[in-house]
Amino acid sequence: MRIAVVPAYKPDERMLQVLKEAHEAGFRIVVVDDGSGTEFSEAFAQARKYGHVISYPVNKGKGHALKTAFVHIINEFGDKGFTVVTLDSDGQHKIRDAIRVCETAEKHPRALVLGSRKQSKASPWKSRFGNGVTRVVFRWLTGVGIRDTQTGLRAFNASFLRRLLLVPGARYEYEMNVLLYLAKTSCKMIEVPIETVYIRNNAGSHFRAVRDSISIYKEILKFSVSSLAGFLTDYLLYSLIVLLAGPRGILLANVAARLVSASVNFAFNYRYVFHSRETLANSALKYFTLACAILICNSALLYLFSAVGGWNPFLAKIVVELLLFVGSWLVQRAFVFAVR
């Protein structure tokens, strides 16, 4: 069995064509009317000829619509033995491509399968911009390379449904959060090339290229704020001890300041940045192992720059912290706070 989930907000006549073709291809269909309003009641009444329609009066976003469909599917069919595919209502996903991603998902039941569009100069600028930016940042965040992070054509085994209900987000950020969450769990993601279709320059899309793309940067921002708080704590204590003890106290100042700032940084990252599901003890052990390694590197570089190179000790501290920032992020993401 294959179930097609079609979230729709203020759809045009293309939705019924999508549903008709999906029905003829053998899909069971769940349509979600995401608060389109009474003027679209007739369209959704027609949609009932092809599948089950869920409606609610207020627009709540694509993520909410998808989760609503997932809950219905679990209640109606369970979460084993079939494939689910999500596709848009505007005709930009071809049913033949929906079939192809389902076939791939059935061969790889532990993978998320993405219908991947190839962007070109003919594609609308906001689609190229949004996808290009999020693709680069997603790879930086997760180490996973995905060509089309914004595709709504996705197929997966029904066993994914309960996991996907745990992913936060109610609007377009939900689909990006799904990729981030699954990347953290080391879930395999397979891209299947699909036809790139933009109707009327994608005028019917409700995606806001800049505003909705910003959601992926929240994780980087939170990590940066955490790192800044830790750095300020570290730097102020370091500077105070150096001023009191003089240049001979540089290493002592660095160690003492690092111990305090690491505690602040760990608490923030554990709870707010990486949302770790490991026990506090396990994450703390791995974090402070990392902190010790960074402290050794930090102290060695600080000594090299200030004592050997003759740098100003305050400038040397800033340079060293910047050098170690990226490495710390990568290790924390992949090892310390990784979701298993």
C-alpha atoms as a PDB file:
ATOM      1  CA  MET A   1       0.000   0.000   0.000  1.00  0.00           C
ATOM      2  CA  ARG A   2       1.095   3.532  -0.796  1.00  0.00           C
ATOM      3  CA  ILE A   3      -0.432   6.597   0.850  1.00  0.00           C
ATOM      4  CA  ALA A   4      -0.056  10.070  -0.662  1.00  0.00           C
ATOM      5  CA  VAL A   5      -0.250  13.017   1.739  1.00  0.00           C
ATOM      6  CA  VAL A   6      -1.243  16.275   0.037  1.00  0.00           C
ATOM      7  CA  PRO A   7      -1.241  19.436   2.205  1.00  0.00           C
ATOM      8  CA  ALA A   8      -3.126  22.270   0.507  1.00  0.00           C
ATOM      9  CA  TYR A   9      -3.637  25.953   1.216  1.00  0.00           C
ATOM     10  CA  LYS A  10      -5.888  27.948  -1.103  1.00  0.00           C
ATOM     11  CA  PRO A  11      -5.371  25.524  -3.994  1.00  0.00           C
ATOM     12  CA  ASP A  12      -6.301  26.138  -7.618  1.00  0.00           C
ATOM     13  CA  GLU A  13      -7.703  23.720 -10.175  1.00  0.00           C
ATOM     14  CA  ARG A  14      -4.391  21.844 -10.369  1.00  0.00           C
ATOM     15  CA  MET A  15      -4.998  20.147  -7.011  1.00  0.00           C
ATOM     16  CA  LEU A  16      -7.883  18.077  -8.391  1.00  0.00           C
ATOM     17  CA  GLN A  17      -5.751  16.972 -11.330  1.00  0.00           C
ATOM     18  CA  VAL A  18      -2.992  15.880  -8.942  1.00  0.00           C
ATOM     19  CA  LEU A  19      -5.490  13.917  -6.849  1.00  0.00           C
ATOM     20  CA  LYS A  20      -7.103  12.330  -9.887  1.00  0.00           C
ATOM     21  CA  GLU A  21      -3.752  11.118 -11.244  1.00  0.00           C
ATOM     22  CA  ALA A  22      -2.628   9.863  -7.836  1.00  0.00           C
ATOM     23  CA  HIS A  23      -5.917   7.999  -7.384  1.00  0.00           C
ATOM     24  CA  GLU A  24      -5.624   6.413 -10.825  1.00  0.00           C
ATOM     25  CA  ALA A  25      -2.055   5.346  -9.967  1.00  0.00           C
ATOM     26  CA  GLY A  26      -3.376   3.386  -6.993  1.00  0.00           C
ATOM     27  CA  PHE A  27      -2.446   5.729  -4.136  1.00  0.00           C
ATOM     28  CA  ARG A  28      -4.626   6.056  -1.079  1.00  0.00           C
ATOM     29  CA  ILE A  29      -4.841   9.805  -0.517  1.00  0.00           C
ATOM     30  CA  VAL A  30      -5.025  12.047   2.541  1.00  0.00           C
ATOM     31  CA  VAL A  31      -5.640  15.719   1.758  1.00  0.00           C
ATOM     32  CA  VAL A  32      -5.283  18.396   4.428  1.00  0.00           C
ATOM     33  CA  ASP A  33      -7.131  21.673   3.952  1.00  0.00           C
ATOM     34  CA  ASP A  34      -4.822  23.970   5.911  1.00  0.00           C
ATOM     35  CA  GLY A  35      -7.379  26.670   6.700  1.00  0.00           C
ATOM     36  CA  SER A  36      -8.014  27.707   3.105  1.00  0.00           C
ATOM     37  CA  GLY A  37     -11.378  29.318   3.908  1.00  0.00           C
ATOM     38  CA  THR A  38     -14.977  28.825   2.850  1.00  0.00           C
ATOM     39  CA  GLU A  39     -14.358  30.000  -0.718  1.00  0.00           C
ATOM     40  CA  PHE A  40     -12.400  26.770  -1.281  1.00  0.00           C
ATOM     41  CA  SER A  41     -15.019  24.457   0.210  1.00  0.00           C
ATOM     42  CA  GLU A  42     -16.190  23.258  -3.192  1.00  0.00           C
ATOM     43  CA  ALA A  43     -12.667  22.315  -4.263  1.00  0.00           C
ATOM     44  CA  PHE A  44     -12.208  20.180  -1.160  1.00  0.00           C
ATOM     45  CA  ALA A  45     -15.687  18.695  -1.596  1.00  0.00           C
ATOM     46  CA  GLN A  46     -14.547  17.543  -5.051  1.00  0.00           C
ATOM     47  CA  ALA A  47     -11.318  16.224  -3.511  1.00  0.00           C
ATOM     48  CA  ARG A  48     -13.340  13.774  -1.414  1.00  0.00           C
ATOM     49  CA  LYS A  49     -13.982  11.770  -4.577  1.00  0.00           C
ATOM     50  CA  TYR A  50     -10.327  10.758  -4.520  1.00  0.00           C
ATOM     51  CA  GLY A  51      -9.452  10.392  -0.869  1.00  0.00           C
ATOM     52  CA  HIS A  52      -9.910  11.419   2.741  1.00  0.00           C
ATOM     53  CA  VAL A  53     -10.015  15.181   3.410  1.00  0.00           C
ATOM     54  CA  ILE A  54      -9.126  16.776   6.746  1.00  0.00           C
ATOM     55  CA  SER A  55     -10.131  20.437   7.198  1.00  0.00           C
ATOM     56  CA  TYR A  56      -9.709  23.026   9.925  1.00  0.00           C
ATOM     57  CA  PRO A  57     -10.691  26.702   9.816  1.00  0.00           C
ATOM     58  CA  VAL A  58      -7.403  28.535  10.523  1.00  0.00           C
ATOM     59  CA  ASN A  59      -4.156  28.285   8.542  1.00  0.00           C
ATOM     60  CA  LYS A  60      -1.555  26.630  10.748  1.00  0.00           C
ATOM     61  CA  GLY A  61       1.270  25.924   8.287  1.00  0.00           C
ATOM     62  CA  LYS A  62       2.571  23.089   6.168  1.00  0.00           C
ATOM     63  CA  GLY A  63       4.319  21.341   9.038  1.00  0.00           C
ATOM     64  CA  HIS A  64       1.121  21.238  11.062  1.00  0.00           C
ATOM     65  CA  ALA A  65      -0.793  19.945   8.041  1.00  0.00           C
ATOM     66  CA  LEU A  66       1.703  17.128   7.501  1.00  0.00           C
ATOM     67  CA  LYS A  67       1.623  16.106  11.161  1.00  0.00           C
ATOM     68  CA  THR A  68      -2.176  16.128  11.104  1.00  0.00           C
ATOM     69  CA  ALA A  69      -2.110  13.717   8.168  1.00  0.00           C
ATOM     70  CA  PHE A  70       0.485  11.515   9.890  1.00  0.00           C
ATOM     71  CA  VAL A  71      -1.685  11.204  13.006  1.00  0.00           C
ATOM     72  CA  HIS A  72      -4.679  10.247  10.851  1.00  0.00           C
ATOM     73  CA  ILE A  73      -2.637   7.612   9.007  1.00  0.00           C
ATOM     74  CA  ILE A  74      -1.381   6.052  12.241  1.00  0.00           C
ATOM     75  CA  ASN A  75      -4.905   5.932  13.677  1.00  0.00           C
ATOM     76  CA  GLU A  76      -6.370   4.522  10.460  1.00  0.00           C
ATOM     77  CA  PHE A  77      -3.624   2.198   9.181  1.00  0.00           C
ATOM     78  CA  GLY A  78      -0.980   1.852  11.890  1.00  0.00           C
ATOM     79  CA  ASP A  79       2.711   2.404  11.212  1.00  0.00           C
ATOM     80  CA  LYS A  80       3.935  -0.762   9.525  1.00  0.00           C
ATOM     81  CA  GLY A  81       3.871  -2.398   6.128  1.00  0.00           C
ATOM     82  CA  PHE A  82       3.311   0.496   3.733  1.00  0.00           C
ATOM     83  CA  THR A  83       4.918   3.568   2.195  1.00  0.00           C
ATOM     84  CA  VAL A  84       4.014   7.229   2.642  1.00  0.00           C
ATOM     85  CA  VAL A  85       4.786   9.957   0.114  1.00  0.00           C
ATOM     86  CA  THR A  86       4.240  13.687   0.570  1.00  0.00           C
ATOM     87  CA  LEU A  87       3.647  15.881  -2.447  1.00  0.00           C
ATOM     88  CA  ASP A  88       2.454  19.401  -3.158  1.00  0.00           C
ATOM     89  CA  SER A  89      -1.006  20.241  -4.441  1.00  0.00           C
ATOM     90  CA  ASP A  90       0.079  22.646  -7.177  1.00  0.00           C
ATOM     91  CA  GLY A  91       1.114  20.127  -9.818  1.00  0.00           C
ATOM     92  CA  GLN A  92       4.844  20.699  -9.486  1.00  0.00           C
ATOM     93  CA  HIS A  93       5.362  17.081  -8.455  1.00  0.00           C
ATOM     94  CA  LYS A  94       4.552  14.593 -11.165  1.00  0.00           C
ATOM     95  CA  ILE A  95       2.810  11.376 -10.142  1.00  0.00           C
ATOM     96  CA  ARG A  96       5.333   9.337 -12.136  1.00  0.00           C
ATOM     97  CA  ASP A  97       8.048  10.863  -9.927  1.00  0.00           C
ATOM     98  CA  ALA A  98       5.991  10.106  -6.795  1.00  0.00           C
ATOM     99  CA  ILE A  99       5.897   6.481  -7.907  1.00  0.00           C
ATOM    100  CA  ARG A 100       9.664   6.451  -8.447  1.00  0.00           C
ATOM    101  CA  VAL A 101      10.481   7.810  -4.989  1.00  0.00           C
ATOM    102  CA  CYS A 102       8.061   5.288  -3.461  1.00  0.00           C
ATOM    103  CA  GLU A 103       9.762   2.449  -5.305  1.00  0.00           C
ATOM    104  CA  THR A 104      13.127   3.595  -3.952  1.00  0.00           C
ATOM    105  CA  ALA A 105      11.733   3.891  -0.419  1.00  0.00           C
ATOM    106  CA  GLU A 106      10.385   0.352  -0.666  1.00  0.00           C
ATOM    107  CA  LYS A 107      13.862  -0.896  -1.602  1.00  0.00           C
ATOM    108  CA  HIS A 108      15.423   1.112   1.247  1.00  0.00           C
ATOM    109  CA  PRO A 109      12.908   1.072   4.139  1.00  0.00           C
ATOM    110  CA  ARG A 110      15.342   2.692   6.575  1.00  0.00           C
ATOM    111  CA  ALA A 111      16.034   5.679   4.343  1.00  0.00           C
ATOM    112  CA  LEU A 112      14.266   8.941   3.630  1.00  0.00           C
ATOM    113  CA  VAL A 113      13.912   9.339  -0.133  1.00  0.00           C
ATOM    114  CA  LEU A 114      13.888  12.837  -1.600  1.00  0.00           C
ATOM    115  CA  GLY A 115      12.674  13.862  -5.025  1.00  0.00           C
ATOM    116  CA  SER A 116      15.559  16.111  -6.014  1.00  0.00           C
ATOM    117  CA  ARG A 117      15.128  18.930  -8.528  1.00  0.00           C
ATOM    118  CA  LYS A 118      18.038  20.331 -10.493  1.00  0.00           C
ATOM    119  CA  GLN A 119      18.098  24.123 -10.329  1.00  0.00           C
ATOM    120  CA  SER A 120      19.072  26.133 -13.392  1.00  0.00           C
ATOM    121  CA  LYS A 121      18.997  29.709 -14.596  1.00  0.00           C
ATOM    122  CA  ALA A 122      15.459  29.044 -15.783  1.00  0.00           C
ATOM    123  CA  SER A 123      14.340  28.358 -12.198  1.00  0.00           C
ATOM    124  CA  PRO A 124      12.706  31.221 -10.223  1.00  0.00           C
ATOM    125  CA  TRP A 125      15.306  33.285  -8.391  1.00  0.00           C
ATOM    126  CA  LYS A 126      13.759  32.761  -4.947  1.00  0.00           C
ATOM    127  CA  SER A 127      13.863  28.991  -5.418  1.00  0.00           C
ATOM    128  CA  ARG A 128      17.508  29.096  -6.520  1.00  0.00           C
ATOM    129  CA  PHE A 129      18.424  31.474  -3.710  1.00  0.00           C
ATOM    130  CA  GLY A 130      16.594  29.643  -0.942  1.00  0.00           C
ATOM    131  CA  ASN A 131      17.786  26.214  -1.998  1.00  0.00           C
ATOM    132  CA  GLY A 132      21.349  27.342  -2.624  1.00  0.00           C
ATOM    133  CA  VAL A 133      21.751  28.990   0.762  1.00  0.00           C
ATOM    134  CA  THR A 134      20.111  26.236   2.767  1.00  0.00           C
ATOM    135  CA  ARG A 135      22.050  23.541   0.898  1.00  0.00           C
ATOM    136  CA  VAL A 136      25.375  25.097   1.903  1.00  0.00           C
ATOM    137  CA  VAL A 137      24.374  25.751   5.505  1.00  0.00           C
ATOM    138  CA  PHE A 138      22.787  22.309   5.873  1.00  0.00           C
ATOM    139  CA  ARG A 139      26.005  20.639   4.788  1.00  0.00           C
ATOM    140  CA  TRP A 140      27.998  22.804   7.203  1.00  0.00           C
ATOM    141  CA  LEU A 141      25.624  21.940  10.026  1.00  0.00           C
ATOM    142  CA  THR A 142      25.331  18.211   9.441  1.00  0.00           C
ATOM    143  CA  GLY A 143      28.130  17.097   7.139  1.00  0.00           C
ATOM    144  CA  VAL A 144      25.439  15.654   4.837  1.00  0.00           C
ATOM    145  CA  GLY A 145      25.299  16.830   1.242  1.00  0.00           C
ATOM    146  CA  ILE A 146      21.770  17.180  -0.159  1.00  0.00           C
ATOM    147  CA  ARG A 147      21.174  18.896  -3.482  1.00  0.00           C
ATOM    148  CA  ASP A 148      17.518  19.837  -2.890  1.00  0.00           C
ATOM    149  CA  THR A 149      16.813  20.580   0.774  1.00  0.00           C
ATOM    150  CA  GLN A 150      13.467  22.209   0.023  1.00  0.00           C
ATOM    151  CA  THR A 151      11.755  19.479  -1.957  1.00  0.00           C
ATOM    152  CA  GLY A 152       8.299  18.551  -0.731  1.00  0.00           C
ATOM    153  CA  LEU A 153       8.335  15.229  -2.580  1.00  0.00           C
ATOM    154  CA  ARG A 154       9.502  12.770   0.044  1.00  0.00           C
ATOM    155  CA  ALA A 155       8.818   9.064   0.511  1.00  0.00           C
ATOM    156  CA  PHE A 156       9.453   6.890   3.543  1.00  0.00           C
ATOM    157  CA  ASN A 157       8.413   3.719   5.283  1.00  0.00           C
ATOM    158  CA  ALA A 158       5.460   4.050   7.654  1.00  0.00           C
ATOM    159  CA  SER A 159       7.801   3.282  10.570  1.00  0.00           C
ATOM    160  CA  PHE A 160       9.047   6.882  10.250  1.00  0.00           C
ATOM    161  CA  LEU A 161       5.666   8.396  11.136  1.00  0.00           C
ATOM    162  CA  ARG A 162       5.942   8.470  14.919  1.00  0.00           C
ATOM    163  CA  ARG A 163       9.483   9.847  14.734  1.00  0.00           C
ATOM    164  CA  LEU A 164       8.374  12.607  12.400  1.00  0.00           C
ATOM    165  CA  LEU A 165       5.661  13.669  14.836  1.00  0.00           C
ATOM    166  CA  LEU A 166       8.402  14.469  17.372  1.00  0.00           C
ATOM    167  CA  VAL A 167      10.157  16.939  15.062  1.00  0.00           C
ATOM    168  CA  PRO A 168       9.366  20.560  16.009  1.00  0.00           C
ATOM    169  CA  GLY A 169       7.967  23.100  13.578  1.00  0.00           C
ATOM    170  CA  ALA A 170       4.563  24.044  12.199  1.00  0.00           C
ATOM    171  CA  ARG A 171       5.319  25.831   8.940  1.00  0.00           C
ATOM    172  CA  TYR A 172       7.927  25.473   6.192  1.00  0.00           C
ATOM    173  CA  GLU A 173      10.704  25.119   8.745  1.00  0.00           C
ATOM    174  CA  TYR A 174       9.283  21.710   9.664  1.00  0.00           C
ATOM    175  CA  GLU A 175      10.575  20.074   6.476  1.00  0.00           C
ATOM    176  CA  MET A 176      14.057  21.453   7.129  1.00  0.00           C
ATOM    177  CA  ASN A 177      13.874  20.357  10.757  1.00  0.00           C
ATOM    178  CA  VAL A 178      13.054  16.830   9.568  1.00  0.00           C
ATOM    179  CA  LEU A 179      16.275  16.759   7.542  1.00  0.00           C
ATOM    180  CA  LEU A 180      18.289  18.135  10.465  1.00  0.00           C
ATOM    181  CA  TYR A 181      16.777  15.637  12.881  1.00  0.00           C
ATOM    182  CA  LEU A 182      17.296  12.635  10.621  1.00  0.00           C
ATOM    183  CA  ALA A 183      20.854  13.742   9.802  1.00  0.00           C
ATOM    184  CA  LYS A 184      21.627  13.790  13.523  1.00  0.00           C
ATOM    185  CA  THR A 185      20.307  10.240  13.861  1.00  0.00           C
ATOM    186  CA  SER A 186      22.545   9.137  10.958  1.00  0.00           C
ATOM    187  CA  CYS A 187      19.508   8.220   8.882  1.00  0.00           C
ATOM    188  CA  LYS A 188      20.358   7.527   5.264  1.00  0.00           C
ATOM    189  CA  MET A 189      18.929   9.999   2.767  1.00  0.00           C
ATOM    190  CA  ILE A 190      18.613   9.078  -0.885  1.00  0.00           C
ATOM    191  CA  GLU A 191      17.968  11.588  -3.640  1.00  0.00           C
ATOM    192  CA  VAL A 192      16.066  10.568  -6.754  1.00  0.00           C
ATOM    193  CA  PRO A 193      16.290  13.035  -9.659  1.00  0.00           C
ATOM    194  CA  ILE A 194      12.854  14.328 -10.645  1.00  0.00           C
ATOM    195  CA  GLU A 195      11.466  16.674 -13.260  1.00  0.00           C
ATOM    196  CA  THR A 196      11.835  20.341 -12.353  1.00  0.00           C
ATOM    197  CA  VAL A 197       8.491  22.069 -12.839  1.00  0.00           C
ATOM    198  CA  TYR A 198       7.747  25.687 -11.984  1.00  0.00           C
ATOM    199  CA  ILE A 199       4.321  26.855 -13.082  1.00  0.00           C
ATOM    200  CA  ARG A 200       3.932  30.594 -13.727  1.00  0.00           C
ATOM    201  CA  ASN A 201       7.378  31.198 -12.229  1.00  0.00           C
ATOM    202  CA  ASN A 202       6.248  29.496  -9.035  1.00  0.00           C
ATOM    203  CA  ALA A 203       3.743  32.270  -8.381  1.00  0.00           C
ATOM    204  CA  GLY A 204       1.443  29.901  -6.496  1.00  0.00           C
ATOM    205  CA  SER A 205       4.016  28.979  -3.908  1.00  0.00           C
ATOM    206  CA  HIS A 206       3.467  30.221  -0.366  1.00  0.00           C
ATOM    207  CA  PHE A 207       7.144  29.749   0.474  1.00  0.00           C
ATOM    208  CA  ARG A 208       8.939  32.941   1.579  1.00  0.00           C
ATOM    209  CA  ALA A 209      12.488  32.490   0.346  1.00  0.00           C
ATOM    210  CA  VAL A 210      14.288  34.711   2.859  1.00  0.00           C
ATOM    211  CA  ARG A 211      12.017  34.441   5.883  1.00  0.00           C
ATOM    212  CA  ASP A 212      11.474  30.698   5.699  1.00  0.00           C
ATOM    213  CA  SER A 213      15.128  29.978   4.878  1.00  0.00           C
ATOM    214  CA  ILE A 214      16.195  31.813   8.034  1.00  0.00           C
ATOM    215  CA  SER A 215      14.786  29.007  10.197  1.00  0.00           C
ATOM    216  CA  ILE A 216      17.770  26.782   9.419  1.00  0.00           C
ATOM    217  CA  TYR A 217      20.131  29.441  10.794  1.00  0.00           C
ATOM    218  CA  LYS A 218      18.559  29.298  14.246  1.00  0.00           C
ATOM    219  CA  GLU A 219      20.798  26.411  15.261  1.00  0.00           C
ATOM    220  CA  ILE A 220      23.934  28.259  14.175  1.00  0.00           C
ATOM    221  CA  LEU A 221      22.711  31.399  15.961  1.00  0.00           C
ATOM    222  CA  LYS A 222      22.046  29.531  19.186  1.00  0.00           C
ATOM    223  CA  PHE A 223      25.490  27.915  19.069  1.00  0.00           C
ATOM    224  CA  SER A 224      27.079  31.300  18.359  1.00  0.00           C
ATOM    225  CA  VAL A 225      25.254  32.904  21.300  1.00  0.00           C
ATOM    226  CA  SER A 226      26.334  30.025  23.540  1.00  0.00           C
ATOM    227  CA  SER A 227      29.922  30.336  22.340  1.00  0.00           C
ATOM    228  CA  LEU A 228      29.844  34.116  22.812  1.00  0.00           C
ATOM    229  CA  ALA A 229      28.579  33.760  26.391  1.00  0.00           C
ATOM    230  CA  GLY A 230      31.293  31.212  27.133  1.00  0.00           C
ATOM    231  CA  PHE A 231      33.934  33.365  25.434  1.00  0.00           C
ATOM    232  CA  LEU A 232      32.975  36.506  27.388  1.00  0.00           C
ATOM    233  CA  THR A 233      33.082  34.590  30.663  1.00  0.00           C
ATOM    234  CA  ASP A 234      36.413  33.070  29.669  1.00  0.00           C
ATOM    235  CA  TYR A 235      37.948  36.303  28.416  1.00  0.00           C
ATOM    236  CA  LEU A 236      36.878  38.442  31.382  1.00  0.00           C
ATOM    237  CA  LEU A 237      38.249  35.946  33.924  1.00  0.00           C
ATOM    238  CA  TYR A 238      41.422  35.472  31.879  1.00  0.00           C
ATOM    239  CA  SER A 239      41.985  39.225  31.615  1.00  0.00           C
ATOM    240  CA  LEU A 240      41.348  39.772  35.316  1.00  0.00           C
ATOM    241  CA  ILE A 241      43.842  37.097  36.362  1.00  0.00           C
ATOM    242  CA  VAL A 242      46.480  38.309  33.871  1.00  0.00           C
ATOM    243  CA  LEU A 243      46.099  41.879  35.156  1.00  0.00           C
ATOM    244  CA  LEU A 244      46.512  40.699  38.741  1.00  0.00           C
ATOM    245  CA  ALA A 245      49.257  38.093  38.202  1.00  0.00           C
ATOM    246  CA  GLY A 246      51.096  39.590  35.227  1.00  0.00           C
ATOM    247  CA  PRO A 247      52.385  37.763  32.101  1.00  0.00           C
ATOM    248  CA  ARG A 248      53.698  34.860  34.184  1.00  0.00           C
ATOM    249  CA  GLY A 249      50.135  33.989  35.088  1.00  0.00           C
ATOM    250  CA  ILE A 250      48.946  33.507  31.504  1.00  0.00           C
ATOM    251  CA  LEU A 251      48.663  29.708  31.626  1.00  0.00           C
ATOM    252  CA  LEU A 252      47.059  29.724  35.085  1.00  0.00           C
ATOM    253  CA  ALA A 253      44.584  32.369  33.911  1.00  0.00           C
ATOM    254  CA  ASN A 254      43.752  30.365  30.799  1.00  0.00           C
ATOM    255  CA  VAL A 255      43.097  27.134  32.735  1.00  0.00           C
ATOM    256  CA  ALA A 256      40.985  28.762  35.451  1.00  0.00           C
ATOM    257  CA  ALA A 257      38.923  30.801  32.995  1.00  0.00           C
ATOM    258  CA  ARG A 258      38.395  27.795  30.736  1.00  0.00           C
ATOM    259  CA  LEU A 259      37.028  25.634  33.552  1.00  0.00           C
ATOM    260  CA  VAL A 260      34.389  28.200  34.444  1.00  0.00           C
ATOM    261  CA  SER A 261      33.417  29.089  30.865  1.00  0.00           C
ATOM    262  CA  ALA A 262      33.251  25.419  29.802  1.00  0.00           C
ATOM    263  CA  SER A 263      30.631  24.772  32.485  1.00  0.00           C
ATOM    264  CA  VAL A 264      28.522  27.667  31.201  1.00  0.00           C
ATOM    265  CA  ASN A 265      28.922  26.567  27.578  1.00  0.00           C
ATOM    266  CA  PHE A 266      28.062  22.929  28.295  1.00  0.00           C
ATOM    267  CA  ALA A 267      24.856  23.747  30.159  1.00  0.00           C
ATOM    268  CA  PHE A 268      23.599  25.980  27.329  1.00  0.00           C
ATOM    269  CA  ASN A 269      24.537  23.604  24.524  1.00  0.00           C
ATOM    270  CA  TYR A 270      23.084  20.528  26.218  1.00  0.00           C
ATOM    271  CA  ARG A 271      19.686  22.082  26.821  1.00  0.00           C
ATOM    272  CA  TYR A 272      19.154  24.688  24.099  1.00  0.00           C
ATOM    273  CA  VAL A 273      21.482  24.180  21.104  1.00  0.00           C
ATOM    274  CA  PHE A 274      21.720  20.477  20.363  1.00  0.00           C
ATOM    275  CA  HIS A 275      18.693  19.259  22.391  1.00  0.00           C
ATOM    276  CA  SER A 276      20.668  16.173  23.336  1.00  0.00           C
ATOM    277  CA  ARG A 277      18.737  13.028  24.240  1.00  0.00           C
ATOM    278  CA  GLU A 278      21.711  11.394  25.875  1.00  0.00           C
ATOM    279  CA  THR A 279      21.929  11.349  29.643  1.00  0.00           C
ATOM    280  CA  LEU A 280      23.464  14.374  31.282  1.00  0.00           C
ATOM    281  CA  ALA A 281      26.327  12.221  32.603  1.00  0.00           C
ATOM    282  CA  ASN A 282      27.246  10.803  29.175  1.00  0.00           C
ATOM    283  CA  SER A 283      27.163  14.179  27.459  1.00  0.00           C
ATOM    284  CA  ALA A 284      29.091  15.790  30.317  1.00  0.00           C
ATOM    285  CA  LEU A 285      31.818  13.138  30.161  1.00  0.00           C
ATOM    286  CA  LYS A 286      32.261  13.560  26.405  1.00  0.00           C
ATOM    287  CA  TYR A 287      32.041  17.349  26.605  1.00  0.00           C
ATOM    288  CA  PHE A 288      34.708  17.689  29.268  1.00  0.00           C
ATOM    289  CA  THR A 289      36.929  15.226  27.401  1.00  0.00           C
ATOM    290  CA  LEU A 290      36.628  17.585  24.450  1.00  0.00           C
ATOM    291  CA  ALA A 291      37.145  20.582  26.760  1.00  0.00           C
ATOM    292  CA  CYS A 292      40.390  19.096  28.062  1.00  0.00           C
ATOM    293  CA  ALA A 293      41.664  18.498  24.527  1.00  0.00           C
ATOM    294  CA  ILE A 294      40.723  22.043  23.523  1.00  0.00           C
ATOM    295  CA  LEU A 295      42.317  23.408  26.690  1.00  0.00           C
ATOM    296  CA  ILE A 296      45.612  21.716  25.826  1.00  0.00           C
ATOM    297  CA  CYS A 297      45.499  23.076  22.273  1.00  0.00           C
ATOM    298  CA  ASN A 298      44.347  26.442  23.538  1.00  0.00           C
ATOM    299  CA  SER A 299      47.134  26.741  26.085  1.00  0.00           C
ATOM    300  CA  ALA A 300      49.784  25.537  23.649  1.00  0.00           C
ATOM    301  CA  LEU A 301      48.745  28.051  20.977  1.00  0.00           C
ATOM    302  CA  LEU A 302      48.422  30.823  23.545  1.00  0.00           C
ATOM    303  CA  TYR A 303      51.928  30.138  24.837  1.00  0.00           C
ATOM    304  CA  LEU A 304      53.266  29.945  21.294  1.00  0.00           C
ATOM    305  CA  PHE A 305      51.731  33.264  20.249  1.00  0.00           C
ATOM    306  CA  SER A 306      52.334  35.255  23.426  1.00  0.00           C
ATOM    307  CA  ALA A 307      55.476  33.845  25.054  1.00  0.00           C
ATOM    308  CA  VAL A 308      57.350  32.748  21.930  1.00  0.00           C
ATOM    309  CA  GLY A 309      55.901  35.066  19.313  1.00  0.00           C
ATOM    310  CA  GLY A 310      55.726  38.093  21.568  1.00  0.00           C
ATOM    311  CA  TRP A 311      52.053  38.815  20.824  1.00  0.00           C
ATOM    312  CA  ASN A 312      49.941  40.910  23.140  1.00  0.00           C
ATOM    313  CA  PRO A 313      48.348  38.281  25.488  1.00  0.00           C
ATOM    314  CA  PHE A 314      44.855  39.760  25.092  1.00  0.00           C
ATOM    315  CA  LEU A 315      45.044  39.708  21.274  1.00  0.00           C
ATOM    316  CA  ALA A 316      46.535  36.210  21.330  1.00  0.00           C
ATOM    317  CA  LYS A 317      43.578  34.970  23.394  1.00  0.00           C
ATOM    318  CA  ILE A 318      41.038  36.246  20.842  1.00  0.00           C
ATOM    319  CA  VAL A 319      42.898  34.726  17.882  1.00  0.00           C
ATOM    320  CA  VAL A 320      43.200  31.335  19.566  1.00  0.00           C
ATOM    321  CA  GLU A 321      39.499  31.247  20.468  1.00  0.00           C
ATOM    322  CA  LEU A 322      38.517  32.002  16.877  1.00  0.00           C
ATOM    323  CA  LEU A 323      40.790  29.262  15.553  1.00  0.00           C
ATOM    324  CA  LEU A 324      39.208  26.654  17.829  1.00  0.00           C
ATOM    325  CA  PHE A 325      35.572  27.757  17.375  1.00  0.00           C
ATOM    326  CA  VAL A 326      34.793  25.746  14.220  1.00  0.00           C
ATOM    327  CA  GLY A 327      36.535  22.606  15.427  1.00  0.00           C
ATOM    328  CA  SER A 328      34.617  22.729  18.692  1.00  0.00           C
ATOM    329  CA  TRP A 329      31.298  23.075  16.852  1.00  0.00           C
ATOM    330  CA  LEU A 330      31.960  20.114  14.555  1.00  0.00           C
ATOM    331  CA  VAL A 331      33.009  17.787  17.365  1.00  0.00           C
ATOM    332  CA  GLN A 332      30.081  18.772  19.592  1.00  0.00           C
ATOM    333  CA  ARG A 333      27.602  18.256  16.765  1.00  0.00           C
ATOM    334  CA  ALA A 334      28.968  14.888  15.651  1.00  0.00           C
ATOM    335  CA  PHE A 335      30.143  13.351  18.931  1.00  0.00           C
ATOM    336  CA  VAL A 336      29.252  15.101  22.174  1.00  0.00           C
ATOM    337  CA  PHE A 337      25.560  15.874  21.640  1.00  0.00           C
ATOM    338  CA  ALA A 338      24.786  13.533  18.738  1.00  0.00           C
ATOM    339  CA  VAL A 339      21.298  12.046  18.714  1.00  0.00           C
ATOM    340  CA  ARG A 340      21.438   8.252  18.535  1.00  0.00           C
END
